[in-house]
Amino acid sequence: MFGSDRGFVTAESAVVLPVLVLFAMALVWGLLAVAAQIQCVDAARTGARAAARQDPDDAVIEVAGDIAPRGAKVTVARGGGVVRVVVVAGPPMLRGLPFEVREEAVASAEEMVGVEP
């Protein structure tokens, strides 16, 4: 009876282990994507605060880029008394996927006190 069951555990393990490895890799990738999203949120908010203080666009892009994920694109738009900072980053690790992590922050522009127009 036991002689006919030989090799089934090996065959089942050969099928199950790759599935478990792929599942674990998908979980890790998902966690990296969430971490990149959080970095984009922080970068956009920090950039919007800097832009609201009337910092130059180059300084806003630099301060937001320091917090954003590596390779992220930061854009600043001003108009109508508000500033808008958008941070867009590619997916972590798997760069070939058509997927972006994007976050946007908007703040009211502060008035400059003591500055002659």
N, C-alpha and C. Protein backbone atom coordinates (compact mmCIF):
# COMPACT_ATOMS: atom_id res chain seq x y z
N MET A 1 0.81 -1.19 0.00
CA MET A 1 0.00 0.00 0.00
C MET A 1 0.86 1.26 0.00
N PHE A 2 1.90 1.30 0.83
CA PHE A 2 2.75 2.48 0.87
C PHE A 2 3.66 2.57 -0.34
N GLY A 3 3.92 1.48 -0.97
CA GLY A 3 4.80 1.47 -2.12
C GLY A 3 4.23 2.24 -3.29
N SER A 4 2.92 2.29 -3.44
CA SER A 4 2.32 3.00 -4.57
C SER A 4 2.25 4.51 -4.35
N ASP A 5 2.44 4.96 -3.11
CA ASP A 5 2.39 6.39 -2.82
C ASP A 5 3.75 7.07 -2.89
N ARG A 6 4.77 6.33 -3.22
CA ARG A 6 6.12 6.91 -3.25
C ARG A 6 6.22 7.97 -4.35
N GLY A 7 6.79 9.10 -4.01
CA GLY A 7 7.00 10.16 -4.98
C GLY A 7 5.91 11.20 -5.05
N PHE A 8 4.76 10.94 -4.43
CA PHE A 8 3.69 11.93 -4.48
C PHE A 8 4.03 13.19 -3.69
N VAL A 9 4.68 13.04 -2.56
CA VAL A 9 5.06 14.22 -1.76
C VAL A 9 6.04 15.08 -2.53
N THR A 10 6.97 14.47 -3.21
CA THR A 10 7.94 15.23 -4.00
C THR A 10 7.23 15.95 -5.15
N ALA A 11 6.32 15.28 -5.80
CA ALA A 11 5.61 15.91 -6.92
C ALA A 11 4.72 17.05 -6.43
N GLU A 12 4.04 16.87 -5.32
CA GLU A 12 3.20 17.93 -4.78
C GLU A 12 4.04 19.12 -4.34
N SER A 13 5.19 18.86 -3.73
CA SER A 13 6.08 19.94 -3.31
C SER A 13 6.61 20.71 -4.51
N ALA A 14 6.89 20.00 -5.57
CA ALA A 14 7.41 20.66 -6.77
C ALA A 14 6.38 21.59 -7.39
N VAL A 15 5.11 21.33 -7.17
CA VAL A 15 4.05 22.18 -7.70
C VAL A 15 3.73 23.31 -6.72
N VAL A 16 3.69 23.03 -5.44
CA VAL A 16 3.25 24.00 -4.44
C VAL A 16 4.33 25.05 -4.13
N LEU A 17 5.59 24.65 -4.05
CA LEU A 17 6.65 25.60 -3.68
C LEU A 17 6.77 26.79 -4.63
N PRO A 18 6.76 26.61 -5.95
CA PRO A 18 6.81 27.79 -6.82
C PRO A 18 5.61 28.72 -6.65
N VAL A 19 4.45 28.15 -6.39
CA VAL A 19 3.26 28.98 -6.16
C VAL A 19 3.44 29.80 -4.89
N LEU A 20 3.95 29.19 -3.84
CA LEU A 20 4.20 29.91 -2.59
C LEU A 20 5.24 31.01 -2.76
N VAL A 21 6.28 30.72 -3.53
CA VAL A 21 7.32 31.73 -3.78
C VAL A 21 6.74 32.91 -4.56
N LEU A 22 5.94 32.64 -5.58
CA LEU A 22 5.31 33.72 -6.35
C LEU A 22 4.36 34.54 -5.48
N PHE A 23 3.62 33.88 -4.62
CA PHE A 23 2.72 34.59 -3.71
C PHE A 23 3.50 35.49 -2.77
N ALA A 24 4.60 34.98 -2.22
CA ALA A 24 5.44 35.79 -1.32
C ALA A 24 6.04 36.98 -2.07
N MET A 25 6.48 36.77 -3.30
CA MET A 25 7.04 37.87 -4.09
C MET A 25 5.97 38.93 -4.38
N ALA A 26 4.75 38.50 -4.66
CA ALA A 26 3.66 39.45 -4.90
C ALA A 26 3.36 40.26 -3.65
N LEU A 27 3.40 39.63 -2.49
CA LEU A 27 3.18 40.37 -1.25
C LEU A 27 4.27 41.40 -1.01
N VAL A 28 5.52 41.02 -1.24
CA VAL A 28 6.63 41.96 -1.05
C VAL A 28 6.49 43.12 -2.03
N TRP A 29 6.16 42.82 -3.30
CA TRP A 29 6.00 43.89 -4.28
C TRP A 29 4.86 44.83 -3.88
N GLY A 30 3.77 44.28 -3.38
CA GLY A 30 2.65 45.10 -2.91
C GLY A 30 3.06 46.02 -1.76
N LEU A 31 3.85 45.49 -0.84
CA LEU A 31 4.33 46.32 0.26
C LEU A 31 5.25 47.43 -0.24
N LEU A 32 6.09 47.13 -1.22
CA LEU A 32 6.96 48.16 -1.80
C LEU A 32 6.14 49.23 -2.52
N ALA A 33 5.08 48.82 -3.19
CA ALA A 33 4.21 49.79 -3.88
C ALA A 33 3.52 50.69 -2.87
N VAL A 34 3.07 50.14 -1.76
CA VAL A 34 2.43 50.96 -0.71
C VAL A 34 3.45 51.90 -0.09
N ALA A 35 4.67 51.44 0.13
CA ALA A 35 5.71 52.32 0.67
C ALA A 35 6.03 53.46 -0.29
N ALA A 36 6.07 53.17 -1.59
CA ALA A 36 6.30 54.22 -2.60
C ALA A 36 5.15 55.22 -2.61
N GLN A 37 3.92 54.74 -2.44
CA GLN A 37 2.76 55.64 -2.39
C GLN A 37 2.87 56.57 -1.19
N ILE A 38 3.26 56.04 -0.05
CA ILE A 38 3.41 56.87 1.16
C ILE A 38 4.51 57.91 0.96
N GLN A 39 5.62 57.51 0.31
CA GLN A 39 6.68 58.47 0.02
C GLN A 39 6.17 59.57 -0.91
N CYS A 40 5.36 59.22 -1.88
CA CYS A 40 4.81 60.23 -2.79
C CYS A 40 3.88 61.19 -2.05
N VAL A 41 3.08 60.67 -1.12
CA VAL A 41 2.20 61.53 -0.32
C VAL A 41 3.03 62.52 0.48
N ASP A 42 4.06 62.02 1.16
CA ASP A 42 4.91 62.90 1.97
C ASP A 42 5.62 63.94 1.10
N ALA A 43 6.12 63.51 -0.06
CA ALA A 43 6.83 64.44 -0.94
C ALA A 43 5.90 65.52 -1.47
N ALA A 44 4.69 65.14 -1.88
CA ALA A 44 3.74 66.12 -2.41
C ALA A 44 3.34 67.12 -1.33
N ARG A 45 3.09 66.65 -0.13
CA ARG A 45 2.70 67.56 0.96
C ARG A 45 3.84 68.50 1.33
N THR A 46 5.05 67.97 1.41
CA THR A 46 6.20 68.82 1.73
C THR A 46 6.43 69.84 0.63
N GLY A 47 6.32 69.42 -0.62
CA GLY A 47 6.48 70.35 -1.74
C GLY A 47 5.40 71.42 -1.75
N ALA A 48 4.16 71.04 -1.44
CA ALA A 48 3.07 72.03 -1.41
C ALA A 48 3.28 73.05 -0.30
N ARG A 49 3.78 72.61 0.86
CA ARG A 49 4.07 73.57 1.94
C ARG A 49 5.16 74.54 1.52
N ALA A 50 6.20 74.01 0.86
CA ALA A 50 7.29 74.88 0.41
C ALA A 50 6.80 75.85 -0.67
N ALA A 51 5.99 75.37 -1.58
CA ALA A 51 5.46 76.24 -2.64
C ALA A 51 4.51 77.29 -2.07
N ALA A 52 3.75 76.93 -1.03
CA ALA A 52 2.84 77.89 -0.41
C ALA A 52 3.60 79.03 0.25
N ARG A 53 4.82 78.75 0.69
CA ARG A 53 5.66 79.81 1.29
C ARG A 53 6.33 80.67 0.23
N GLN A 54 5.98 80.44 -1.02
CA GLN A 54 6.52 81.18 -2.15
C GLN A 54 7.98 80.83 -2.44
N ASP A 55 8.42 79.62 -2.07
CA ASP A 55 9.76 79.16 -2.46
C ASP A 55 9.79 79.02 -3.98
N PRO A 56 10.96 79.22 -4.61
CA PRO A 56 11.05 79.05 -6.07
C PRO A 56 10.75 77.60 -6.47
N ASP A 57 10.29 77.43 -7.70
CA ASP A 57 9.91 76.10 -8.17
C ASP A 57 11.08 75.11 -8.09
N ASP A 58 12.30 75.57 -8.40
CA ASP A 58 13.46 74.68 -8.32
C ASP A 58 13.67 74.15 -6.90
N ALA A 59 13.49 75.03 -5.92
CA ALA A 59 13.65 74.61 -4.52
C ALA A 59 12.54 73.65 -4.11
N VAL A 60 11.33 73.89 -4.59
CA VAL A 60 10.20 73.01 -4.28
C VAL A 60 10.44 71.63 -4.87
N ILE A 61 10.89 71.58 -6.11
CA ILE A 61 11.17 70.30 -6.77
C ILE A 61 12.30 69.57 -6.05
N GLU A 62 13.29 70.29 -5.60
CA GLU A 62 14.41 69.66 -4.90
C GLU A 62 13.97 69.08 -3.55
N VAL A 63 13.21 69.87 -2.78
CA VAL A 63 12.79 69.38 -1.46
C VAL A 63 11.83 68.21 -1.59
N ALA A 64 10.94 68.25 -2.57
CA ALA A 64 10.01 67.13 -2.78
C ALA A 64 10.75 65.92 -3.35
N GLY A 65 11.71 66.16 -4.22
CA GLY A 65 12.48 65.07 -4.81
C GLY A 65 13.33 64.32 -3.81
N ASP A 66 13.76 65.02 -2.74
CA ASP A 66 14.54 64.36 -1.70
C ASP A 66 13.71 63.33 -0.94
N ILE A 67 12.42 63.55 -0.85
CA ILE A 67 11.54 62.65 -0.10
C ILE A 67 10.91 61.59 -1.02
N ALA A 68 10.69 61.95 -2.26
CA ALA A 68 10.01 61.06 -3.22
C ALA A 68 10.86 59.83 -3.52
N PRO A 69 10.23 58.77 -4.03
CA PRO A 69 11.00 57.59 -4.44
C PRO A 69 11.99 57.94 -5.55
N ARG A 70 13.03 57.15 -5.66
CA ARG A 70 14.07 57.39 -6.66
C ARG A 70 13.45 57.38 -8.06
N GLY A 71 13.80 58.37 -8.86
CA GLY A 71 13.31 58.45 -10.23
C GLY A 71 11.94 59.10 -10.37
N ALA A 72 11.40 59.64 -9.30
CA ALA A 72 10.07 60.25 -9.35
C ALA A 72 10.14 61.59 -10.08
N LYS A 73 9.03 61.96 -10.71
CA LYS A 73 8.92 63.24 -11.39
C LYS A 73 8.03 64.16 -10.55
N VAL A 74 8.54 65.36 -10.27
CA VAL A 74 7.81 66.32 -9.45
C VAL A 74 7.47 67.52 -10.32
N THR A 75 6.20 67.94 -10.32
CA THR A 75 5.79 69.13 -11.05
C THR A 75 5.08 70.09 -10.10
N VAL A 76 5.27 71.39 -10.36
CA VAL A 76 4.68 72.44 -9.54
C VAL A 76 3.85 73.33 -10.45
N ALA A 77 2.62 73.63 -10.02
CA ALA A 77 1.75 74.54 -10.76
C ALA A 77 1.20 75.57 -9.78
N ARG A 78 1.19 76.82 -10.21
CA ARG A 78 0.67 77.90 -9.38
C ARG A 78 -0.41 78.63 -10.15
N GLY A 79 -1.43 79.08 -9.43
CA GLY A 79 -2.47 79.85 -10.08
C GLY A 79 -3.71 79.94 -9.22
N GLY A 80 -4.37 81.08 -9.29
CA GLY A 80 -5.62 81.26 -8.56
C GLY A 80 -5.45 81.25 -7.05
N GLY A 81 -4.28 81.62 -6.56
CA GLY A 81 -4.06 81.66 -5.12
C GLY A 81 -3.75 80.31 -4.50
N VAL A 82 -3.59 79.28 -5.32
CA VAL A 82 -3.23 77.96 -4.80
C VAL A 82 -2.00 77.44 -5.54
N VAL A 83 -1.32 76.50 -4.88
CA VAL A 83 -0.20 75.81 -5.50
C VAL A 83 -0.54 74.33 -5.53
N ARG A 84 -0.09 73.66 -6.56
CA ARG A 84 -0.36 72.23 -6.74
C ARG A 84 0.96 71.53 -7.03
N VAL A 85 1.27 70.52 -6.25
CA VAL A 85 2.49 69.73 -6.45
C VAL A 85 2.06 68.30 -6.74
N VAL A 86 2.56 67.76 -7.85
CA VAL A 86 2.24 66.39 -8.26
C VAL A 86 3.54 65.59 -8.29
N VAL A 87 3.51 64.42 -7.66
CA VAL A 87 4.65 63.51 -7.64
C VAL A 87 4.22 62.21 -8.30
N VAL A 88 4.96 61.80 -9.33
CA VAL A 88 4.66 60.56 -10.05
C VAL A 88 5.91 59.70 -10.07
N ALA A 89 5.77 58.45 -9.63
CA ALA A 89 6.90 57.51 -9.61
C ALA A 89 6.50 56.22 -10.30
N GLY A 90 7.48 55.57 -10.88
CA GLY A 90 7.25 54.27 -11.49
C GLY A 90 7.08 53.21 -10.41
N PRO A 91 6.64 52.03 -10.81
CA PRO A 91 6.45 50.96 -9.83
C PRO A 91 7.79 50.49 -9.28
N PRO A 92 7.82 50.10 -8.02
CA PRO A 92 9.07 49.60 -7.47
C PRO A 92 9.44 48.26 -8.10
N MET A 93 10.68 48.04 -8.34
CA MET A 93 11.27 46.81 -8.89
C MET A 93 10.82 46.50 -10.31
N LEU A 94 9.60 46.12 -10.53
CA LEU A 94 9.15 45.69 -11.85
C LEU A 94 8.85 46.91 -12.73
N ARG A 95 9.87 47.46 -13.34
CA ARG A 95 9.75 48.70 -14.09
C ARG A 95 8.97 48.55 -15.39
N GLY A 96 8.77 47.36 -15.89
CA GLY A 96 8.09 47.18 -17.16
C GLY A 96 6.57 47.27 -17.08
N LEU A 97 6.02 47.30 -15.87
CA LEU A 97 4.57 47.33 -15.73
C LEU A 97 4.00 48.70 -16.06
N PRO A 98 2.84 48.76 -16.70
CA PRO A 98 2.21 50.05 -17.00
C PRO A 98 1.44 50.56 -15.78
N PHE A 99 2.17 50.90 -14.76
CA PHE A 99 1.59 51.25 -13.47
C PHE A 99 2.40 52.39 -12.88
N GLU A 100 1.74 53.40 -12.34
CA GLU A 100 2.42 54.52 -11.71
C GLU A 100 1.86 54.76 -10.32
N VAL A 101 2.73 55.22 -9.46
CA VAL A 101 2.32 55.68 -8.15
C VAL A 101 2.25 57.20 -8.26
N ARG A 102 1.08 57.79 -7.97
CA ARG A 102 0.88 59.23 -8.18
C ARG A 102 0.20 59.82 -6.96
N GLU A 103 0.68 61.01 -6.58
CA GLU A 103 0.03 61.73 -5.50
C GLU A 103 0.09 63.22 -5.80
N GLU A 104 -0.91 63.94 -5.32
CA GLU A 104 -1.03 65.36 -5.58
C GLU A 104 -1.42 66.06 -4.28
N ALA A 105 -0.82 67.23 -4.06
CA ALA A 105 -1.17 68.03 -2.88
C ALA A 105 -1.41 69.46 -3.32
N VAL A 106 -2.40 70.09 -2.71
CA VAL A 106 -2.77 71.47 -3.04
C VAL A 106 -2.74 72.28 -1.74
N ALA A 107 -2.21 73.49 -1.84
CA ALA A 107 -2.17 74.37 -0.67
C ALA A 107 -2.46 75.80 -1.12
N SER A 108 -2.98 76.59 -0.20
CA SER A 108 -3.22 78.01 -0.48
C SER A 108 -1.90 78.75 -0.40
N ALA A 109 -1.67 79.61 -1.39
CA ALA A 109 -0.44 80.39 -1.41
C ALA A 109 -0.50 81.43 -0.30
N GLU A 110 0.61 81.52 0.44
CA GLU A 110 0.67 82.52 1.51
C GLU A 110 1.10 83.85 0.94
N GLU A 111 0.62 84.91 1.55
CA GLU A 111 1.02 86.24 1.11
C GLU A 111 2.37 86.58 1.72
N MET A 112 3.16 87.26 0.91
CA MET A 112 4.48 87.69 1.39
C MET A 112 4.32 88.96 2.20
N VAL A 113 4.76 88.96 3.43
CA VAL A 113 4.64 90.11 4.32
C VAL A 113 5.93 90.89 4.28
N GLY A 114 5.84 92.18 4.13
CA GLY A 114 7.01 93.04 4.17
C GLY A 114 7.78 93.09 2.87
N VAL A 115 7.21 92.59 1.79
CA VAL A 115 7.87 92.59 0.49
C VAL A 115 7.17 93.61 -0.39
N GLU A 116 7.95 94.49 -0.97
CA GLU A 116 7.42 95.50 -1.88
C GLU A 116 7.10 94.85 -3.23
N PRO A 117 5.93 95.11 -3.81
CA PRO A 117 5.60 94.51 -5.11
C PRO A 117 6.41 95.10 -6.23
